[in-house]
N, C-alpha and C. Protein backbone atom coordinates (compact mmCIF):
# COMPACT_ATOMS: atom_id res chain seq x y z
N MET A 1 0.86 -1.17 0.03
CA MET A 1 -0.03 0.06 -0.01
C MET A 1 0.91 1.28 -0.06
N LYS A 2 0.70 2.07 -1.01
CA LYS A 2 1.51 3.22 -1.14
C LYS A 2 1.44 4.28 0.00
N HIS A 3 0.28 4.41 0.67
CA HIS A 3 0.10 5.45 1.61
C HIS A 3 -0.12 4.89 3.04
N HIS A 4 0.70 3.88 3.31
CA HIS A 4 0.61 3.09 4.56
C HIS A 4 0.61 3.88 5.79
N LYS A 5 1.58 5.04 5.84
CA LYS A 5 1.68 5.88 6.98
C LYS A 5 0.40 6.69 7.22
N MET A 6 -0.34 7.00 6.25
CA MET A 6 -1.47 7.78 6.40
C MET A 6 -2.68 6.98 7.16
N TYR A 7 -2.49 5.63 7.15
CA TYR A 7 -3.46 4.81 7.86
C TYR A 7 -3.13 4.71 9.46
N ILE A 8 -2.13 5.22 9.84
CA ILE A 8 -1.76 5.12 11.28
C ILE A 8 -2.86 5.57 12.24
N PRO A 9 -3.48 6.76 11.92
CA PRO A 9 -4.60 7.16 12.84
C PRO A 9 -5.83 6.17 12.71
N PHE A 10 -6.04 5.56 11.54
CA PHE A 10 -7.07 4.48 11.38
C PHE A 10 -6.73 3.36 12.29
N TYR A 11 -5.44 2.82 12.18
CA TYR A 11 -5.05 1.72 13.03
C TYR A 11 -5.19 1.95 14.47
N ILE A 12 -4.86 3.11 14.92
CA ILE A 12 -4.94 3.60 16.30
C ILE A 12 -6.38 3.59 16.78
N ALA A 13 -7.16 4.12 15.98
CA ALA A 13 -8.60 4.19 16.32
C ALA A 13 -9.16 2.71 16.39
N MET A 14 -8.80 1.87 15.52
CA MET A 14 -9.41 0.55 15.55
C MET A 14 -8.71 -0.28 16.77
N LEU A 15 -7.53 0.11 17.10
CA LEU A 15 -6.86 -0.55 18.29
C LEU A 15 -7.61 -0.11 19.58
N ILE A 16 -8.03 1.19 19.67
CA ILE A 16 -8.78 1.71 20.74
C ILE A 16 -10.18 0.89 20.87
N VAL A 17 -10.79 0.74 19.69
CA VAL A 17 -12.11 -0.03 19.67
C VAL A 17 -11.85 -1.43 20.16
N ILE A 18 -10.82 -2.09 19.74
CA ILE A 18 -10.67 -3.54 20.05
C ILE A 18 -10.16 -3.60 21.54
N LEU A 19 -9.43 -2.66 22.04
CA LEU A 19 -9.01 -2.64 23.44
C LEU A 19 -10.09 -2.52 24.38
N TYR A 20 -10.97 -1.38 24.02
CA TYR A 20 -12.17 -1.20 24.85
C TYR A 20 -13.07 -2.45 24.87
N THR A 21 -13.27 -2.99 23.70
CA THR A 21 -14.18 -4.22 23.65
C THR A 21 -13.59 -5.37 24.54
N THR A 22 -12.21 -5.58 24.35
CA THR A 22 -11.61 -6.73 25.11
C THR A 22 -11.71 -6.37 26.69
N VAL A 23 -11.28 -5.19 27.04
CA VAL A 23 -11.29 -4.89 28.44
C VAL A 23 -12.72 -4.98 29.06
N HIS A 24 -13.66 -4.47 28.31
CA HIS A 24 -15.09 -4.51 28.80
C HIS A 24 -15.58 -5.95 28.91
N GLN A 25 -15.17 -6.89 27.88
CA GLN A 25 -15.52 -8.30 28.01
C GLN A 25 -14.92 -8.86 29.31
N PHE A 26 -13.62 -8.58 29.58
CA PHE A 26 -12.99 -9.13 30.65
C PHE A 26 -13.65 -8.65 32.05
N ILE A 27 -14.03 -7.45 32.02
CA ILE A 27 -14.61 -6.86 33.28
C ILE A 27 -15.97 -7.48 33.53
N ILE A 28 -16.83 -7.55 32.56
CA ILE A 28 -18.15 -8.14 32.76
C ILE A 28 -18.16 -9.66 32.70
N GLY A 29 -17.00 -10.27 32.37
CA GLY A 29 -16.98 -11.77 32.46
C GLY A 29 -17.66 -12.51 31.37
N HIS A 30 -17.79 -11.85 30.22
CA HIS A 30 -18.39 -12.59 29.06
C HIS A 30 -17.36 -13.06 28.05
N ARG A 31 -17.73 -14.08 27.41
CA ARG A 31 -16.82 -14.51 26.29
C ARG A 31 -17.19 -13.63 25.14
N ILE A 32 -16.31 -13.70 24.15
CA ILE A 32 -16.54 -12.94 22.94
C ILE A 32 -17.72 -13.49 22.28
N GLY A 33 -18.62 -12.61 21.92
CA GLY A 33 -19.93 -13.04 21.32
C GLY A 33 -20.69 -11.83 20.96
N MET A 34 -21.95 -11.88 21.13
CA MET A 34 -22.83 -10.80 20.76
C MET A 34 -22.59 -9.47 21.44
N ILE A 35 -22.39 -9.63 22.79
CA ILE A 35 -22.08 -8.39 23.56
C ILE A 35 -20.77 -7.80 23.17
N ALA A 36 -19.84 -8.60 22.77
CA ALA A 36 -18.56 -8.01 22.20
C ALA A 36 -18.69 -7.34 20.95
N MET A 37 -19.65 -7.92 20.12
CA MET A 37 -19.92 -7.26 18.74
C MET A 37 -20.63 -5.95 18.96
N ASN A 38 -21.58 -5.88 19.99
CA ASN A 38 -22.28 -4.71 20.32
C ASN A 38 -21.35 -3.58 20.79
N ASP A 39 -20.38 -3.95 21.73
CA ASP A 39 -19.38 -3.02 22.14
C ASP A 39 -18.49 -2.57 21.01
N PHE A 40 -18.06 -3.53 20.18
CA PHE A 40 -17.14 -3.07 19.07
C PHE A 40 -17.90 -2.09 18.07
N MET A 41 -19.04 -2.43 17.68
CA MET A 41 -19.81 -1.60 16.77
C MET A 41 -20.19 -0.30 17.43
N GLY A 42 -20.60 -0.26 18.68
CA GLY A 42 -21.01 0.94 19.34
C GLY A 42 -19.86 1.92 19.47
N ILE A 43 -18.68 1.40 19.87
CA ILE A 43 -17.53 2.26 20.12
C ILE A 43 -17.01 2.69 18.76
N ARG A 44 -16.96 1.89 17.77
CA ARG A 44 -16.51 2.25 16.41
C ARG A 44 -17.48 3.49 15.87
N PHE A 45 -18.72 3.26 16.04
CA PHE A 45 -19.61 4.32 15.54
C PHE A 45 -19.43 5.61 16.31
N ILE A 46 -19.29 5.65 17.62
CA ILE A 46 -19.09 6.85 18.36
C ILE A 46 -17.77 7.62 17.94
N LEU A 47 -16.65 6.78 17.91
CA LEU A 47 -15.46 7.31 17.62
C LEU A 47 -15.41 7.97 16.21
N PHE A 48 -15.77 7.19 15.28
CA PHE A 48 -15.81 7.68 13.88
C PHE A 48 -16.81 8.74 13.64
N GLY A 49 -17.98 8.65 14.34
CA GLY A 49 -19.00 9.64 14.17
C GLY A 49 -18.58 11.07 14.71
N LEU A 50 -17.93 11.00 15.85
CA LEU A 50 -17.45 12.24 16.47
C LEU A 50 -16.30 12.94 15.64
N LEU A 51 -15.44 12.06 15.17
CA LEU A 51 -14.42 12.62 14.33
C LEU A 51 -14.86 13.32 13.08
N LYS A 52 -15.96 12.95 12.59
CA LYS A 52 -16.65 13.68 11.39
C LYS A 52 -17.13 14.97 11.73
N PHE A 53 -17.53 15.17 13.03
CA PHE A 53 -18.05 16.51 13.54
C PHE A 53 -16.92 17.54 13.54
N LEU A 54 -15.65 17.09 13.61
CA LEU A 54 -14.51 18.09 13.66
C LEU A 54 -14.58 19.05 12.51
N ASP A 55 -15.12 18.52 11.31
CA ASP A 55 -15.26 19.40 10.19
C ASP A 55 -16.45 18.89 9.40
N ILE A 56 -17.78 19.12 9.85
CA ILE A 56 -18.86 18.41 9.31
C ILE A 56 -19.17 18.91 7.88
N GLU A 57 -18.84 20.25 7.56
CA GLU A 57 -19.06 20.71 6.25
C GLU A 57 -18.09 20.05 5.27
N GLY A 58 -16.80 19.85 5.64
CA GLY A 58 -15.81 19.25 4.80
C GLY A 58 -16.13 17.83 4.62
N PHE A 59 -16.63 17.08 5.74
CA PHE A 59 -17.11 15.79 5.58
C PHE A 59 -18.24 15.62 4.53
N ALA A 60 -19.26 16.34 4.70
CA ALA A 60 -20.33 16.34 3.77
C ALA A 60 -19.99 16.50 2.39
N ASN A 61 -19.12 17.45 2.14
CA ASN A 61 -18.59 17.66 0.70
C ASN A 61 -17.73 16.51 0.22
N SER A 62 -16.82 15.99 1.10
CA SER A 62 -16.02 14.93 0.70
C SER A 62 -16.77 13.62 0.47
N PHE A 63 -17.76 13.37 1.30
CA PHE A 63 -18.61 12.15 1.29
C PHE A 63 -19.37 12.08 -0.02
N MET A 64 -19.72 13.27 -0.61
CA MET A 64 -20.48 13.32 -1.82
C MET A 64 -19.60 12.73 -3.05
N GLN A 65 -18.29 12.66 -2.78
CA GLN A 65 -17.42 12.11 -3.92
C GLN A 65 -17.64 10.62 -4.15
N TYR A 66 -17.92 9.91 -3.13
CA TYR A 66 -18.19 8.46 -3.36
C TYR A 66 -19.47 7.82 -2.84
N ASP A 67 -20.31 8.53 -2.17
CA ASP A 67 -21.55 8.06 -1.73
C ASP A 67 -22.67 8.55 -2.53
N ILE A 68 -23.40 7.67 -3.18
CA ILE A 68 -24.49 8.18 -4.20
C ILE A 68 -25.63 8.87 -3.40
N VAL A 69 -25.87 8.36 -2.26
CA VAL A 69 -27.02 9.10 -1.48
C VAL A 69 -26.68 10.54 -1.21
N ALA A 70 -25.42 10.68 -0.70
CA ALA A 70 -24.86 12.02 -0.38
C ALA A 70 -24.74 12.85 -1.60
N LYS A 71 -24.39 12.24 -2.72
CA LYS A 71 -24.29 12.95 -3.94
C LYS A 71 -25.57 13.58 -4.42
N LYS A 72 -26.67 12.74 -4.27
CA LYS A 72 -28.00 13.26 -4.65
C LYS A 72 -28.60 14.13 -3.62
N ARG A 73 -28.47 13.85 -2.34
CA ARG A 73 -29.00 14.46 -1.25
C ARG A 73 -27.90 15.01 -0.27
N LYS A 74 -27.45 16.19 -0.42
CA LYS A 74 -26.31 16.74 0.36
C LYS A 74 -26.67 16.61 1.84
N PRO A 75 -27.84 16.96 2.28
CA PRO A 75 -28.16 16.84 3.78
C PRO A 75 -27.75 15.44 4.40
N TYR A 76 -27.79 14.44 3.55
CA TYR A 76 -27.40 13.05 4.04
C TYR A 76 -25.96 13.09 4.56
N GLY A 77 -25.08 13.85 3.95
CA GLY A 77 -23.68 13.96 4.47
C GLY A 77 -23.63 14.55 5.84
N TYR A 78 -24.62 15.41 6.25
CA TYR A 78 -24.71 16.07 7.54
C TYR A 78 -25.31 15.03 8.52
N PHE A 79 -26.30 14.26 7.91
CA PHE A 79 -27.06 13.42 8.80
C PHE A 79 -26.25 12.10 9.15
N PHE A 80 -25.34 11.70 8.23
CA PHE A 80 -24.68 10.47 8.41
C PHE A 80 -23.99 10.35 9.78
N PRO A 81 -23.15 11.34 10.20
CA PRO A 81 -22.44 11.19 11.48
C PRO A 81 -23.57 11.15 12.66
N ILE A 82 -24.59 11.89 12.50
CA ILE A 82 -25.61 11.79 13.61
C ILE A 82 -26.23 10.40 13.70
N LEU A 83 -26.39 9.77 12.53
CA LEU A 83 -26.88 8.35 12.41
C LEU A 83 -25.96 7.47 13.10
N GLU A 84 -24.65 7.71 12.87
CA GLU A 84 -23.59 6.85 13.60
C GLU A 84 -23.65 6.97 15.13
N ILE A 85 -23.88 8.19 15.52
CA ILE A 85 -23.97 8.41 17.00
C ILE A 85 -25.18 7.78 17.56
N VAL A 86 -26.32 7.94 16.85
CA VAL A 86 -27.57 7.27 17.30
C VAL A 86 -27.31 5.75 17.38
N LEU A 87 -26.68 5.18 16.39
CA LEU A 87 -26.27 3.76 16.40
C LEU A 87 -25.48 3.32 17.58
N TRP A 88 -24.46 4.25 17.94
CA TRP A 88 -23.65 4.03 19.21
C TRP A 88 -24.49 3.91 20.40
N ILE A 89 -25.38 4.92 20.60
CA ILE A 89 -26.28 4.88 21.70
C ILE A 89 -27.16 3.60 21.71
N ALA A 90 -27.67 3.35 20.52
CA ALA A 90 -28.55 2.14 20.45
C ALA A 90 -27.78 0.90 20.80
N TYR A 91 -26.52 0.67 20.31
CA TYR A 91 -25.83 -0.54 20.55
C TYR A 91 -25.41 -0.68 21.95
N LEU A 92 -25.06 0.41 22.58
CA LEU A 92 -24.54 0.41 24.08
C LEU A 92 -25.54 0.50 25.05
N VAL A 93 -26.69 1.11 24.81
CA VAL A 93 -27.74 1.44 25.66
C VAL A 93 -28.81 0.28 25.71
N ASP A 94 -29.01 -0.39 24.59
CA ASP A 94 -30.05 -1.42 24.43
C ASP A 94 -29.54 -2.70 25.00
N THR A 95 -29.27 -2.75 26.31
CA THR A 95 -28.72 -3.93 26.92
C THR A 95 -29.74 -5.10 26.87
N GLN A 96 -30.98 -4.83 26.98
CA GLN A 96 -32.03 -5.84 26.94
C GLN A 96 -32.30 -6.36 25.52
N MET A 97 -31.74 -5.74 24.56
CA MET A 97 -31.81 -6.01 23.15
C MET A 97 -33.31 -5.97 22.64
N HIS A 98 -34.02 -4.96 23.16
CA HIS A 98 -35.39 -4.71 22.72
C HIS A 98 -35.45 -4.19 21.29
N TYR A 99 -34.53 -3.45 20.82
CA TYR A 99 -34.61 -2.82 19.53
C TYR A 99 -33.45 -3.43 18.59
N ARG A 100 -32.79 -4.52 18.94
CA ARG A 100 -31.70 -5.05 18.31
C ARG A 100 -32.02 -5.37 16.75
N LEU A 101 -33.21 -5.87 16.54
CA LEU A 101 -33.59 -6.15 15.17
C LEU A 101 -33.44 -4.85 14.27
N THR A 102 -34.07 -3.75 14.74
CA THR A 102 -34.07 -2.49 14.12
C THR A 102 -32.63 -2.00 13.89
N ILE A 103 -31.88 -1.96 15.04
CA ILE A 103 -30.49 -1.43 15.04
C ILE A 103 -29.58 -2.24 14.06
N ASN A 104 -29.71 -3.48 13.99
CA ASN A 104 -28.83 -4.30 13.06
C ASN A 104 -29.31 -4.09 11.59
N ILE A 105 -30.70 -4.02 11.34
CA ILE A 105 -31.05 -3.71 9.99
C ILE A 105 -30.59 -2.37 9.54
N VAL A 106 -30.72 -1.30 10.37
CA VAL A 106 -30.21 -0.03 9.98
C VAL A 106 -28.66 -0.09 9.69
N THR A 107 -27.94 -0.74 10.53
CA THR A 107 -26.47 -0.92 10.38
C THR A 107 -26.25 -1.58 9.07
N VAL A 108 -26.84 -2.65 8.76
CA VAL A 108 -26.71 -3.39 7.47
C VAL A 108 -26.86 -2.44 6.29
N LEU A 109 -27.92 -1.71 6.32
CA LEU A 109 -28.36 -0.89 5.35
C LEU A 109 -27.28 0.32 5.20
N LEU A 110 -26.88 0.88 6.36
CA LEU A 110 -25.84 1.93 6.30
C LEU A 110 -24.60 1.62 5.77
N VAL A 111 -24.10 0.56 6.37
CA VAL A 111 -22.68 0.16 5.82
C VAL A 111 -22.75 -0.63 4.50
N GLY A 112 -23.90 -1.21 4.25
CA GLY A 112 -23.99 -1.84 2.92
C GLY A 112 -23.97 -0.94 1.77
N ILE A 113 -24.79 0.16 1.88
CA ILE A 113 -24.90 1.23 0.88
C ILE A 113 -23.48 1.83 0.68
N THR A 114 -22.89 2.20 1.77
CA THR A 114 -21.45 2.80 1.67
C THR A 114 -20.54 1.89 1.10
N SER A 115 -20.61 0.63 1.40
CA SER A 115 -19.70 -0.40 0.84
C SER A 115 -19.80 -0.56 -0.61
N ILE A 116 -21.06 -0.51 -1.09
CA ILE A 116 -21.19 -0.59 -2.57
C ILE A 116 -20.54 0.61 -3.28
N TRP A 117 -20.69 1.69 -2.77
CA TRP A 117 -20.11 2.96 -3.37
C TRP A 117 -18.47 3.00 -3.17
N ILE A 118 -18.02 2.49 -2.10
CA ILE A 118 -16.54 2.38 -1.98
C ILE A 118 -16.00 1.34 -2.99
N PHE A 119 -16.76 0.29 -3.12
CA PHE A 119 -16.36 -0.71 -4.20
C PHE A 119 -16.30 -0.14 -5.52
N TYR A 120 -17.21 0.60 -5.94
CA TYR A 120 -17.36 1.29 -7.25
C TYR A 120 -16.24 2.29 -7.33
N ALA A 121 -15.96 3.00 -6.32
CA ALA A 121 -14.93 4.01 -6.40
C ALA A 121 -13.50 3.35 -6.57
N LEU A 122 -13.38 2.23 -5.88
CA LEU A 122 -12.05 1.45 -6.07
C LEU A 122 -11.92 0.79 -7.41
N LYS A 123 -13.01 0.21 -7.87
CA LYS A 123 -13.02 -0.33 -9.21
C LYS A 123 -12.78 0.75 -10.30
N ALA A 124 -13.23 1.94 -10.14
CA ALA A 124 -12.96 3.01 -11.15
C ALA A 124 -11.58 3.58 -10.79
N LYS A 125 -10.91 3.17 -9.86
CA LYS A 125 -9.62 3.62 -9.52
C LYS A 125 -9.63 5.11 -9.35
N LYS A 126 -10.59 5.62 -8.66
CA LYS A 126 -10.72 7.05 -8.38
C LYS A 126 -9.72 7.43 -7.23
N ASP A 127 -9.04 8.55 -7.44
CA ASP A 127 -8.10 8.94 -6.47
C ASP A 127 -8.74 9.98 -5.50
N ILE A 128 -9.40 9.35 -4.55
CA ILE A 128 -10.20 10.29 -3.68
C ILE A 128 -9.95 9.75 -2.22
N ASP A 129 -10.31 10.63 -1.27
CA ASP A 129 -10.02 10.32 0.12
C ASP A 129 -11.30 9.70 0.73
N CYS A 130 -11.05 8.70 1.47
CA CYS A 130 -12.07 8.12 2.37
C CYS A 130 -12.28 9.06 3.60
N VAL A 131 -13.32 9.41 3.98
CA VAL A 131 -13.50 10.26 5.15
C VAL A 131 -14.25 9.64 6.27
N CYS A 132 -14.05 8.25 6.35
CA CYS A 132 -14.64 7.61 7.52
C CYS A 132 -14.16 8.07 8.83
N MET A 133 -13.06 8.74 8.90
CA MET A 133 -12.62 9.30 10.20
C MET A 133 -12.64 10.91 10.04
N GLY A 134 -13.51 11.39 9.16
CA GLY A 134 -13.64 12.83 8.97
C GLY A 134 -12.52 13.36 8.08
N THR A 135 -12.44 14.66 7.91
CA THR A 135 -11.44 15.30 7.03
C THR A 135 -10.21 15.65 7.71
N LYS A 136 -10.28 15.54 9.08
CA LYS A 136 -8.90 15.79 9.80
C LYS A 136 -8.01 14.69 9.72
N PHE A 137 -8.54 13.45 9.44
CA PHE A 137 -7.67 12.18 9.16
C PHE A 137 -8.11 11.61 7.86
N PRO A 138 -7.89 12.29 6.67
CA PRO A 138 -8.27 11.73 5.45
C PRO A 138 -7.38 10.55 5.12
N LEU A 139 -8.03 9.41 4.63
CA LEU A 139 -7.31 8.24 4.22
C LEU A 139 -7.49 8.12 2.71
N PRO A 140 -6.50 7.67 2.02
CA PRO A 140 -6.73 7.34 0.62
C PRO A 140 -7.64 6.12 0.56
N MET A 141 -8.59 6.27 -0.35
CA MET A 141 -9.63 5.08 -0.52
C MET A 141 -8.85 3.84 -0.88
N SER A 142 -9.10 2.78 -0.09
CA SER A 142 -8.33 1.61 -0.43
C SER A 142 -9.22 0.41 0.04
N ILE A 143 -8.73 -0.79 -0.19
CA ILE A 143 -9.42 -1.98 0.23
C ILE A 143 -9.59 -2.06 1.64
N ILE A 144 -8.74 -1.44 2.44
CA ILE A 144 -8.97 -1.47 3.96
C ILE A 144 -10.35 -0.80 4.25
N ASN A 145 -10.68 0.29 3.57
CA ASN A 145 -12.03 0.90 3.90
C ASN A 145 -13.19 -0.01 3.59
N LEU A 146 -13.04 -0.69 2.46
CA LEU A 146 -14.11 -1.71 2.05
C LEU A 146 -14.14 -2.91 3.07
N ILE A 147 -13.07 -3.42 3.37
CA ILE A 147 -13.06 -4.55 4.36
C ILE A 147 -13.68 -4.16 5.67
N GLU A 148 -13.28 -2.88 6.19
CA GLU A 148 -13.88 -2.49 7.43
C GLU A 148 -15.37 -2.33 7.40
N ASN A 149 -15.94 -1.85 6.27
CA ASN A 149 -17.38 -1.71 6.15
C ASN A 149 -18.03 -3.00 6.02
N ILE A 150 -17.44 -3.92 5.28
CA ILE A 150 -17.99 -5.21 5.04
C ILE A 150 -17.99 -5.96 6.39
N ALA A 151 -16.95 -5.90 7.14
CA ALA A 151 -16.84 -6.50 8.46
C ALA A 151 -17.95 -6.05 9.47
N MET A 152 -18.29 -4.67 9.40
CA MET A 152 -19.36 -4.07 10.24
C MET A 152 -20.69 -4.69 9.76
N GLY A 153 -20.88 -4.76 8.50
CA GLY A 153 -22.13 -5.36 7.95
C GLY A 153 -22.26 -6.81 8.35
N ALA A 154 -21.14 -7.59 8.22
CA ALA A 154 -21.17 -9.03 8.48
C ALA A 154 -21.48 -9.20 9.96
N MET A 155 -21.02 -8.34 10.82
CA MET A 155 -21.29 -8.55 12.31
C MET A 155 -22.80 -8.28 12.51
N ALA A 156 -23.28 -7.31 11.90
CA ALA A 156 -24.77 -6.98 12.01
C ALA A 156 -25.54 -8.17 11.46
N VAL A 157 -25.22 -8.64 10.31
CA VAL A 157 -25.95 -9.84 9.73
C VAL A 157 -25.88 -11.02 10.70
N PHE A 158 -24.60 -11.24 11.25
CA PHE A 158 -24.48 -12.34 12.18
C PHE A 158 -25.36 -12.19 13.31
N MET A 159 -25.44 -11.03 13.90
CA MET A 159 -26.32 -10.81 15.01
C MET A 159 -27.81 -11.00 14.76
N LEU A 160 -28.17 -10.57 13.49
CA LEU A 160 -29.57 -10.82 13.06
C LEU A 160 -29.83 -12.28 13.03
N ILE A 161 -28.88 -13.11 12.39
CA ILE A 161 -28.98 -14.60 12.39
C ILE A 161 -29.12 -15.21 13.66
N ARG A 162 -28.19 -14.79 14.52
CA ARG A 162 -28.08 -15.27 15.83
C ARG A 162 -29.39 -15.02 16.61
N MET A 163 -29.89 -13.79 16.46
CA MET A 163 -31.14 -13.40 17.18
C MET A 163 -32.24 -14.21 16.69
N GLY A 164 -32.37 -14.53 15.45
CA GLY A 164 -33.39 -15.43 14.84
C GLY A 164 -33.31 -16.86 15.38
N SER A 165 -32.09 -17.35 15.57
CA SER A 165 -31.90 -18.68 16.08
C SER A 165 -32.25 -18.76 17.53
N VAL A 166 -31.85 -17.69 18.30
CA VAL A 166 -32.22 -17.64 19.71
C VAL A 166 -33.72 -17.54 19.90
N THR A 167 -34.36 -16.64 19.09
CA THR A 167 -35.78 -16.55 19.22
C THR A 167 -36.52 -17.80 18.82
N MET A 168 -36.07 -18.52 17.87
CA MET A 168 -36.69 -19.83 17.46
C MET A 168 -36.49 -20.81 18.61
N ALA A 169 -35.37 -20.87 19.24
CA ALA A 169 -35.05 -21.80 20.33
C ALA A 169 -35.93 -21.51 21.52
N HIS A 170 -36.31 -20.36 21.81
CA HIS A 170 -36.97 -19.92 22.98
C HIS A 170 -38.56 -19.77 22.71
N THR A 171 -39.11 -20.11 21.46
CA THR A 171 -40.45 -19.97 21.05
C THR A 171 -41.18 -21.23 21.60
N PRO A 172 -42.15 -21.14 22.43
CA PRO A 172 -42.82 -22.32 22.94
C PRO A 172 -43.66 -22.95 21.70
N VAL A 173 -43.51 -24.32 21.75
CA VAL A 173 -44.22 -25.08 20.75
C VAL A 173 -45.68 -25.38 21.34
N THR A 174 -46.66 -25.10 20.56
CA THR A 174 -48.04 -25.27 21.06
C THR A 174 -48.72 -26.37 20.14
N MET A 175 -49.42 -27.25 20.72
CA MET A 175 -50.22 -28.25 19.92
C MET A 175 -51.65 -27.77 19.83
N ASP A 176 -52.19 -28.28 18.66
CA ASP A 176 -53.70 -27.95 18.65
C ASP A 176 -54.47 -28.68 19.71
N THR A 177 -55.76 -28.25 19.85
CA THR A 177 -56.44 -28.81 20.97
C THR A 177 -56.74 -30.34 20.85
N SER A 178 -56.91 -30.80 19.67
CA SER A 178 -57.21 -32.28 19.54
C SER A 178 -55.94 -33.09 19.86
N ALA A 179 -54.76 -32.55 19.45
CA ALA A 179 -53.53 -33.19 19.82
C ALA A 179 -53.30 -33.28 21.34
N GLN A 180 -53.71 -32.12 21.96
CA GLN A 180 -53.48 -32.13 23.44
C GLN A 180 -54.43 -33.09 24.14
N GLN A 181 -55.65 -33.18 23.64
CA GLN A 181 -56.65 -34.11 24.20
C GLN A 181 -56.09 -35.55 24.07
N ASN A 182 -55.59 -35.90 22.87
CA ASN A 182 -55.06 -37.27 22.61
C ASN A 182 -53.90 -37.55 23.51
N ASN A 183 -52.96 -36.60 23.75
CA ASN A 183 -51.83 -36.78 24.65
C ASN A 183 -52.35 -36.98 26.01
N THR A 184 -53.31 -36.11 26.49
CA THR A 184 -53.79 -36.23 27.84
C THR A 184 -54.52 -37.57 28.06
N ALA A 185 -55.28 -38.12 27.02
CA ALA A 185 -55.90 -39.33 27.09
C ALA A 185 -54.88 -40.52 27.19
N ALA A 186 -53.80 -40.44 26.50
CA ALA A 186 -52.77 -41.37 26.43
C ALA A 186 -52.06 -41.43 27.72
N ILE A 187 -51.86 -40.29 28.40
CA ILE A 187 -51.12 -40.29 29.74
C ILE A 187 -52.02 -40.85 30.83
N CYS A 188 -53.29 -40.57 30.68
CA CYS A 188 -54.12 -41.05 31.76
C CYS A 188 -54.38 -42.52 31.70
N HIS A 189 -54.27 -43.20 30.67
CA HIS A 189 -54.55 -44.58 30.49
C HIS A 189 -53.34 -45.40 30.78
């Protein structure tokens, strides 16, 4: 990678996210799993969302270079960091997982749409900056940006699948009335 040194802030930010997640898992005594993914995604969203606010106007203008939604609707560039902060709050505050389905679907959509446009920018070999960490830490658009977005989407999809399997495992099985009567009759005889 020709701009390897420019990624040092990104590596540091991701190290902070991983360290927080690991330490929090150790403190609460959980194994790596859904709670760790919640922590990881929540801390990543707040850190990267707040960095965008250091120059929100610059972020919105730069984001338009590779995100089709921001290109067509500039206010989306201003709303995007707010959405990341809302997701941070949702991931870290929704400890009872009441809204986890909605949170993960929004995350899949958010990072999925961005991933598509990062892919197209890379495929077209556009020489643009990725502003995932805002304009104060611009990164040259590279496969690292795409992998990070895809990983976030994959974690959200995994949590959706996991939630579905947990819900199915805890759903009580009910028999129709005639089957219950037949079972009762068989037990009584």
